[in-house]
N, C-alpha and C. Protein backbone atom coordinates (compact mmCIF):
# COMPACT_ATOMS: atom_id res chain seq x y z
N MET A 1 -1.51 -12.37 -18.64
CA MET A 1 -1.37 -10.93 -18.61
C MET A 1 0.07 -10.48 -18.83
N ASN A 2 1.04 -11.37 -18.76
CA ASN A 2 2.45 -10.99 -18.79
C ASN A 2 2.83 -10.22 -20.04
N LYS A 3 2.48 -10.70 -21.21
CA LYS A 3 2.78 -10.00 -22.47
C LYS A 3 4.26 -9.71 -22.62
N GLY A 4 5.14 -10.54 -22.02
CA GLY A 4 6.58 -10.35 -22.15
C GLY A 4 7.16 -9.23 -21.32
N LYS A 5 6.37 -8.60 -20.50
CA LYS A 5 6.84 -7.49 -19.68
C LYS A 5 7.46 -8.02 -18.39
N PRO A 6 8.47 -7.31 -17.87
CA PRO A 6 9.04 -7.73 -16.58
C PRO A 6 7.97 -7.69 -15.49
N ILE A 7 8.07 -8.64 -14.55
CA ILE A 7 7.15 -8.68 -13.42
C ILE A 7 7.90 -8.21 -12.17
N ILE A 8 7.31 -7.23 -11.50
CA ILE A 8 7.85 -6.70 -10.26
C ILE A 8 6.97 -7.22 -9.13
N ILE A 9 7.57 -7.88 -8.15
CA ILE A 9 6.83 -8.39 -6.99
C ILE A 9 6.90 -7.32 -5.89
N ALA A 10 5.76 -7.08 -5.24
CA ALA A 10 5.69 -6.06 -4.20
C ALA A 10 4.82 -6.54 -3.05
N GLY A 11 4.99 -5.88 -1.91
CA GLY A 11 4.17 -6.14 -0.74
C GLY A 11 3.59 -4.84 -0.23
N GLY A 12 2.36 -4.91 0.28
CA GLY A 12 1.71 -3.72 0.79
C GLY A 12 0.80 -4.03 1.96
N GLY A 13 0.29 -2.96 2.57
CA GLY A 13 -0.53 -3.14 3.76
C GLY A 13 -1.82 -2.35 3.75
N ILE A 14 -2.84 -2.99 4.30
CA ILE A 14 -4.09 -2.32 4.65
C ILE A 14 -3.97 -2.16 6.16
N VAL A 15 -3.51 -0.98 6.58
CA VAL A 15 -3.12 -0.75 7.97
C VAL A 15 -4.21 0.03 8.69
N THR A 16 -4.63 -0.50 9.84
CA THR A 16 -5.57 0.23 10.69
C THR A 16 -4.95 0.43 12.07
N ASN A 17 -5.36 1.53 12.71
CA ASN A 17 -4.90 1.82 14.06
C ASN A 17 -5.97 1.41 15.07
N GLU A 18 -5.74 1.69 16.34
CA GLU A 18 -6.69 1.22 17.35
C GLU A 18 -8.02 1.97 17.33
N LEU A 19 -8.08 3.09 16.58
CA LEU A 19 -9.35 3.79 16.42
C LEU A 19 -10.12 3.28 15.19
N GLY A 20 -9.53 2.33 14.47
CA GLY A 20 -10.16 1.79 13.27
C GLY A 20 -9.93 2.63 12.03
N GLU A 21 -9.04 3.61 12.12
CA GLU A 21 -8.74 4.46 10.96
C GLU A 21 -7.77 3.74 10.02
N LEU A 22 -7.87 4.06 8.73
CA LEU A 22 -7.06 3.46 7.68
C LEU A 22 -5.90 4.37 7.32
N LEU A 23 -4.72 3.79 7.18
CA LEU A 23 -3.54 4.54 6.78
C LEU A 23 -3.54 4.71 5.26
N MET A 24 -3.57 5.98 4.80
CA MET A 24 -3.56 6.27 3.36
C MET A 24 -2.45 7.27 3.04
N ILE A 25 -1.88 7.10 1.85
CA ILE A 25 -0.85 8.01 1.39
C ILE A 25 -1.33 8.70 0.12
N PHE A 26 -0.80 9.89 -0.15
CA PHE A 26 -1.12 10.63 -1.38
C PHE A 26 0.17 10.72 -2.18
N ARG A 27 0.15 10.10 -3.36
CA ARG A 27 1.36 10.03 -4.20
C ARG A 27 0.96 10.27 -5.65
N ARG A 28 1.66 11.17 -6.28
CA ARG A 28 1.46 11.44 -7.72
C ARG A 28 0.00 11.73 -8.06
N GLY A 29 -0.65 12.53 -7.20
CA GLY A 29 -2.00 12.98 -7.48
C GLY A 29 -3.12 12.00 -7.14
N LYS A 30 -2.79 10.90 -6.45
CA LYS A 30 -3.80 9.89 -6.12
C LYS A 30 -3.64 9.44 -4.67
N TRP A 31 -4.78 9.11 -4.04
CA TRP A 31 -4.75 8.47 -2.73
C TRP A 31 -4.45 6.99 -2.95
N ASP A 32 -3.59 6.45 -2.13
CA ASP A 32 -3.06 5.11 -2.34
C ASP A 32 -2.84 4.44 -0.98
N LEU A 33 -2.40 3.21 -1.02
CA LEU A 33 -2.00 2.47 0.17
C LEU A 33 -0.51 2.21 0.07
N PRO A 34 0.19 2.14 1.21
CA PRO A 34 1.64 1.91 1.16
C PRO A 34 1.98 0.52 0.65
N LYS A 35 2.98 0.50 -0.24
CA LYS A 35 3.43 -0.76 -0.84
C LYS A 35 4.77 -0.51 -1.49
N GLY A 36 5.50 -1.59 -1.78
CA GLY A 36 6.77 -1.42 -2.47
C GLY A 36 7.39 -2.73 -2.88
N LYS A 37 8.49 -2.60 -3.57
CA LYS A 37 9.13 -3.73 -4.24
C LYS A 37 9.87 -4.66 -3.28
N LEU A 38 9.80 -5.93 -3.62
CA LEU A 38 10.49 -7.00 -2.90
C LEU A 38 11.99 -6.92 -3.18
N ASP A 39 12.79 -6.97 -2.12
CA ASP A 39 14.25 -7.02 -2.26
C ASP A 39 14.70 -8.47 -2.44
N LYS A 40 15.80 -8.66 -3.11
CA LYS A 40 16.34 -10.00 -3.33
C LYS A 40 16.57 -10.70 -1.99
N GLY A 41 16.09 -11.94 -1.89
CA GLY A 41 16.28 -12.74 -0.69
C GLY A 41 15.31 -12.45 0.44
N GLU A 42 14.39 -11.53 0.23
CA GLU A 42 13.45 -11.09 1.27
C GLU A 42 12.13 -11.86 1.14
N SER A 43 11.51 -12.17 2.27
CA SER A 43 10.17 -12.79 2.21
C SER A 43 9.16 -11.70 1.87
N ILE A 44 8.05 -12.10 1.29
CA ILE A 44 7.01 -11.13 0.93
C ILE A 44 6.41 -10.47 2.17
N GLU A 45 6.33 -11.21 3.28
CA GLU A 45 5.81 -10.65 4.53
C GLU A 45 6.74 -9.54 5.05
N HIS A 46 8.05 -9.82 5.03
CA HIS A 46 9.02 -8.82 5.48
C HIS A 46 8.98 -7.60 4.57
N CYS A 47 8.88 -7.84 3.26
CA CYS A 47 8.79 -6.75 2.30
C CYS A 47 7.61 -5.82 2.63
N ALA A 48 6.44 -6.41 2.84
CA ALA A 48 5.25 -5.61 3.12
C ALA A 48 5.44 -4.76 4.37
N LEU A 49 5.94 -5.37 5.44
CA LEU A 49 6.17 -4.62 6.68
C LEU A 49 7.21 -3.53 6.48
N ARG A 50 8.31 -3.85 5.82
CA ARG A 50 9.39 -2.88 5.59
C ARG A 50 8.89 -1.70 4.76
N GLU A 51 8.18 -1.99 3.69
CA GLU A 51 7.71 -0.92 2.80
C GLU A 51 6.72 0.01 3.51
N VAL A 52 5.80 -0.56 4.28
CA VAL A 52 4.85 0.29 5.01
C VAL A 52 5.61 1.18 5.99
N GLU A 53 6.57 0.61 6.70
CA GLU A 53 7.35 1.41 7.65
C GLU A 53 8.14 2.50 6.94
N GLU A 54 8.81 2.14 5.83
CA GLU A 54 9.62 3.13 5.12
C GLU A 54 8.77 4.27 4.55
N GLU A 55 7.61 3.95 3.98
CA GLU A 55 6.80 4.97 3.34
C GLU A 55 6.02 5.83 4.31
N THR A 56 5.78 5.33 5.53
CA THR A 56 4.89 6.05 6.46
C THR A 56 5.52 6.41 7.80
N GLY A 57 6.63 5.78 8.15
CA GLY A 57 7.25 6.02 9.45
C GLY A 57 6.62 5.23 10.58
N VAL A 58 5.60 4.43 10.30
CA VAL A 58 4.91 3.67 11.35
C VAL A 58 5.73 2.43 11.70
N LYS A 59 6.03 2.28 12.98
CA LYS A 59 6.82 1.14 13.47
C LYS A 59 5.92 0.23 14.32
N LYS A 60 6.45 -0.92 14.68
CA LYS A 60 5.75 -1.89 15.53
C LYS A 60 4.43 -2.34 14.91
N LEU A 61 4.46 -2.56 13.60
CA LEU A 61 3.28 -3.07 12.90
C LEU A 61 3.07 -4.54 13.23
N LYS A 62 1.81 -4.93 13.34
CA LYS A 62 1.48 -6.35 13.54
C LYS A 62 0.93 -6.87 12.22
N LEU A 63 1.56 -7.90 11.68
CA LEU A 63 1.17 -8.47 10.40
C LEU A 63 -0.03 -9.38 10.57
N GLY A 64 -1.04 -9.18 9.74
CA GLY A 64 -2.20 -10.06 9.70
C GLY A 64 -2.13 -10.96 8.48
N GLU A 65 -3.30 -11.43 8.05
CA GLU A 65 -3.34 -12.39 6.95
C GLU A 65 -3.15 -11.72 5.58
N LEU A 66 -2.71 -12.54 4.62
CA LEU A 66 -2.66 -12.13 3.22
C LEU A 66 -4.11 -12.04 2.74
N LEU A 67 -4.50 -10.89 2.21
CA LEU A 67 -5.88 -10.68 1.77
C LEU A 67 -6.08 -11.00 0.29
N LEU A 68 -5.17 -10.53 -0.54
CA LEU A 68 -5.27 -10.79 -1.97
C LEU A 68 -3.99 -10.37 -2.66
N VAL A 69 -3.88 -10.77 -3.92
CA VAL A 69 -2.77 -10.38 -4.78
C VAL A 69 -3.38 -9.68 -5.98
N THR A 70 -2.87 -8.47 -6.29
CA THR A 70 -3.36 -7.73 -7.44
C THR A 70 -2.23 -7.56 -8.45
N THR A 71 -2.62 -7.29 -9.69
CA THR A 71 -1.63 -6.96 -10.72
C THR A 71 -2.09 -5.70 -11.45
N HIS A 72 -1.13 -4.88 -11.83
CA HIS A 72 -1.42 -3.75 -12.71
C HIS A 72 -0.16 -3.41 -13.50
N GLU A 73 -0.36 -2.79 -14.65
CA GLU A 73 0.75 -2.39 -15.53
C GLU A 73 1.03 -0.91 -15.36
N TYR A 74 2.32 -0.55 -15.45
CA TYR A 74 2.71 0.86 -15.40
C TYR A 74 4.11 1.01 -15.98
N PHE A 75 4.51 2.24 -16.23
CA PHE A 75 5.87 2.53 -16.69
C PHE A 75 6.74 2.73 -15.47
N ASP A 76 7.77 1.91 -15.34
CA ASP A 76 8.68 1.99 -14.19
C ASP A 76 9.89 2.85 -14.58
N LYS A 77 10.06 3.98 -13.87
CA LYS A 77 11.14 4.90 -14.22
C LYS A 77 12.52 4.32 -13.93
N TRP A 78 12.61 3.36 -13.00
CA TRP A 78 13.90 2.75 -12.68
C TRP A 78 14.30 1.72 -13.73
N VAL A 79 13.32 0.94 -14.19
CA VAL A 79 13.57 -0.09 -15.21
C VAL A 79 13.55 0.54 -16.61
N GLN A 80 12.90 1.70 -16.73
CA GLN A 80 12.71 2.38 -18.02
C GLN A 80 11.95 1.50 -19.00
N ALA A 81 10.89 0.87 -18.51
CA ALA A 81 10.06 0.01 -19.35
C ALA A 81 8.69 -0.16 -18.70
N ASP A 82 7.72 -0.58 -19.52
CA ASP A 82 6.43 -0.98 -18.97
C ASP A 82 6.62 -2.29 -18.23
N VAL A 83 6.05 -2.37 -17.04
CA VAL A 83 6.19 -3.56 -16.20
C VAL A 83 4.82 -3.97 -15.66
N ILE A 84 4.77 -5.17 -15.12
CA ILE A 84 3.59 -5.64 -14.41
C ILE A 84 3.97 -5.75 -12.94
N LYS A 85 3.22 -5.05 -12.10
CA LYS A 85 3.47 -5.14 -10.65
C LYS A 85 2.46 -6.10 -10.05
N GLU A 86 2.98 -7.10 -9.34
CA GLU A 86 2.17 -8.08 -8.62
C GLU A 86 2.31 -7.75 -7.14
N THR A 87 1.25 -7.21 -6.55
CA THR A 87 1.31 -6.77 -5.16
C THR A 87 0.55 -7.71 -4.25
N HIS A 88 1.22 -8.16 -3.20
CA HIS A 88 0.65 -9.03 -2.17
C HIS A 88 0.22 -8.12 -1.02
N TRP A 89 -1.10 -8.09 -0.77
CA TRP A 89 -1.68 -7.18 0.21
C TRP A 89 -1.98 -7.91 1.52
N PHE A 90 -1.43 -7.37 2.61
CA PHE A 90 -1.62 -7.95 3.95
C PHE A 90 -2.40 -6.99 4.83
N ARG A 91 -3.23 -7.56 5.69
CA ARG A 91 -3.86 -6.78 6.75
C ARG A 91 -2.77 -6.50 7.79
N MET A 92 -2.74 -5.28 8.31
CA MET A 92 -1.79 -4.90 9.35
C MET A 92 -2.49 -4.03 10.39
N PHE A 93 -1.98 -4.11 11.61
CA PHE A 93 -2.54 -3.35 12.73
C PHE A 93 -1.40 -2.66 13.47
N VAL A 94 -1.73 -1.55 14.11
CA VAL A 94 -0.77 -0.87 14.96
C VAL A 94 -1.50 -0.34 16.19
N SER A 95 -0.83 -0.42 17.34
CA SER A 95 -1.39 0.13 18.57
C SER A 95 -1.29 1.65 18.55
N GLY A 96 -2.25 2.28 19.20
CA GLY A 96 -2.23 3.73 19.26
C GLY A 96 -2.55 4.37 17.93
N VAL A 97 -2.13 5.64 17.81
CA VAL A 97 -2.29 6.40 16.57
C VAL A 97 -0.94 7.06 16.30
N PRO A 98 0.02 6.29 15.77
CA PRO A 98 1.37 6.82 15.59
C PRO A 98 1.43 8.03 14.66
N ALA A 99 2.41 8.90 14.95
CA ALA A 99 2.69 10.02 14.06
C ALA A 99 3.16 9.45 12.71
N LEU A 100 2.90 10.20 11.65
CA LEU A 100 3.20 9.74 10.31
C LEU A 100 4.29 10.60 9.66
N ILE A 101 5.20 9.95 8.96
CA ILE A 101 6.30 10.63 8.28
C ILE A 101 6.32 10.18 6.82
N PRO A 102 5.86 11.03 5.89
CA PRO A 102 5.82 10.62 4.49
C PRO A 102 7.22 10.49 3.89
N GLN A 103 7.43 9.44 3.11
CA GLN A 103 8.70 9.22 2.43
C GLN A 103 8.68 10.06 1.15
N THR A 104 9.16 11.30 1.26
CA THR A 104 9.06 12.25 0.15
C THR A 104 9.89 11.81 -1.07
N GLU A 105 10.96 11.07 -0.86
CA GLU A 105 11.76 10.62 -2.01
C GLU A 105 11.01 9.60 -2.86
N GLU A 106 9.90 9.07 -2.33
CA GLU A 106 9.01 8.18 -3.10
C GLU A 106 7.77 8.94 -3.58
N ASP A 107 7.89 10.27 -3.65
CA ASP A 107 6.82 11.14 -4.15
C ASP A 107 5.56 11.14 -3.29
N ILE A 108 5.68 10.78 -2.02
CA ILE A 108 4.54 10.82 -1.10
C ILE A 108 4.47 12.24 -0.54
N THR A 109 3.38 12.94 -0.87
CA THR A 109 3.26 14.35 -0.48
C THR A 109 2.31 14.56 0.69
N ALA A 110 1.49 13.55 1.00
CA ALA A 110 0.60 13.64 2.16
C ALA A 110 0.35 12.23 2.67
N ILE A 111 0.02 12.16 3.94
CA ILE A 111 -0.25 10.87 4.56
C ILE A 111 -1.20 11.12 5.72
N GLU A 112 -2.14 10.20 5.93
CA GLU A 112 -3.09 10.45 7.02
C GLU A 112 -3.73 9.16 7.50
N TRP A 113 -4.17 9.22 8.76
CA TRP A 113 -5.08 8.22 9.30
C TRP A 113 -6.46 8.68 8.88
N THR A 114 -7.14 7.91 8.07
CA THR A 114 -8.41 8.30 7.48
C THR A 114 -9.55 7.54 8.13
N SER A 115 -10.55 8.28 8.62
CA SER A 115 -11.73 7.61 9.19
C SER A 115 -12.42 6.84 8.07
N LEU A 116 -13.06 5.73 8.42
CA LEU A 116 -13.71 4.91 7.39
C LEU A 116 -14.81 5.70 6.67
N GLU A 117 -15.40 6.70 7.34
CA GLU A 117 -16.40 7.54 6.69
C GLU A 117 -15.79 8.36 5.56
N LYS A 118 -14.53 8.75 5.69
CA LYS A 118 -13.85 9.57 4.67
C LYS A 118 -13.21 8.74 3.56
N VAL A 119 -13.02 7.45 3.79
CA VAL A 119 -12.31 6.62 2.81
C VAL A 119 -13.03 6.62 1.47
N ALA A 120 -14.36 6.54 1.48
CA ALA A 120 -15.12 6.52 0.22
C ALA A 120 -14.79 7.74 -0.64
N ASN A 121 -14.67 8.92 -0.01
CA ASN A 121 -14.30 10.12 -0.76
C ASN A 121 -12.89 10.03 -1.31
N ARG A 122 -11.99 9.48 -0.53
CA ARG A 122 -10.60 9.33 -0.98
C ARG A 122 -10.52 8.40 -2.20
N LEU A 123 -11.41 7.41 -2.25
CA LEU A 123 -11.39 6.45 -3.36
C LEU A 123 -11.81 7.10 -4.68
N ASN A 124 -12.48 8.25 -4.61
CA ASN A 124 -12.80 8.99 -5.85
C ASN A 124 -11.54 9.54 -6.49
N GLU A 125 -10.46 9.66 -5.71
CA GLU A 125 -9.17 10.16 -6.20
C GLU A 125 -8.12 9.06 -6.04
N SER A 126 -8.47 7.84 -6.40
CA SER A 126 -7.56 6.72 -6.22
C SER A 126 -7.55 5.85 -7.47
N TYR A 127 -6.95 4.68 -7.37
CA TYR A 127 -6.85 3.72 -8.46
C TYR A 127 -7.92 2.64 -8.29
N ASP A 128 -8.37 2.07 -9.39
CA ASP A 128 -9.35 0.98 -9.32
C ASP A 128 -8.83 -0.18 -8.47
N THR A 129 -7.54 -0.45 -8.57
CA THR A 129 -6.95 -1.55 -7.80
C THR A 129 -7.10 -1.32 -6.30
N ILE A 130 -6.91 -0.08 -5.85
CA ILE A 130 -7.03 0.24 -4.42
C ILE A 130 -8.48 0.07 -3.97
N ARG A 131 -9.41 0.45 -4.82
CA ARG A 131 -10.84 0.24 -4.51
C ARG A 131 -11.11 -1.25 -4.32
N LEU A 132 -10.57 -2.09 -5.22
CA LEU A 132 -10.74 -3.54 -5.13
C LEU A 132 -10.12 -4.08 -3.84
N VAL A 133 -8.91 -3.64 -3.52
CA VAL A 133 -8.22 -4.11 -2.31
C VAL A 133 -9.07 -3.78 -1.08
N LEU A 134 -9.61 -2.58 -1.02
CA LEU A 134 -10.40 -2.20 0.16
C LEU A 134 -11.74 -2.94 0.20
N GLU A 135 -12.33 -3.22 -0.95
CA GLU A 135 -13.55 -4.04 -0.97
C GLU A 135 -13.28 -5.43 -0.39
N LYS A 136 -12.13 -6.00 -0.76
CA LYS A 136 -11.77 -7.35 -0.29
C LYS A 136 -11.29 -7.36 1.15
N SER A 137 -10.98 -6.18 1.71
CA SER A 137 -10.42 -6.13 3.06
C SER A 137 -11.44 -6.42 4.14
N GLY A 138 -12.72 -6.25 3.83
CA GLY A 138 -13.76 -6.44 4.83
C GLY A 138 -14.01 -5.21 5.69
N LEU A 139 -13.29 -4.12 5.45
CA LEU A 139 -13.54 -2.88 6.19
C LEU A 139 -14.90 -2.34 5.79
N LYS A 140 -15.61 -1.77 6.71
CA LYS A 140 -16.95 -1.22 6.46
C LYS A 140 -16.83 0.21 5.95
N ILE A 141 -16.65 0.33 4.64
CA ILE A 141 -16.45 1.64 4.02
C ILE A 141 -17.74 2.09 3.34
């Protein structure tokens, strides 16, 4: 799939709270899951935890298992080129129902704890990759 395009490594989370709600963000017109790019010298696990915290404001996350790795192509405004993003998705948990703070500088305009009953509707306004990630997560959506 590379096709000579730069590969960006990223980490992300399928985060649930103690009520079983899923953490979802709304960015650039789509419902999404928090994720972001790996920093030099950083482990993929640390990247995933850091990115979820930065994008959502949720602290004291508990890292679970690696669920899957996805790839997708997009135009990266920082690199100014088409790239392939390889995202490592981890299950994550948090105690309570923490307040959420969207990282607006990353174009996140809304963020919510979403009941599993509502997730299916959110997926109608999401990416195919996010649908796949949630299917593989084992959540009862």
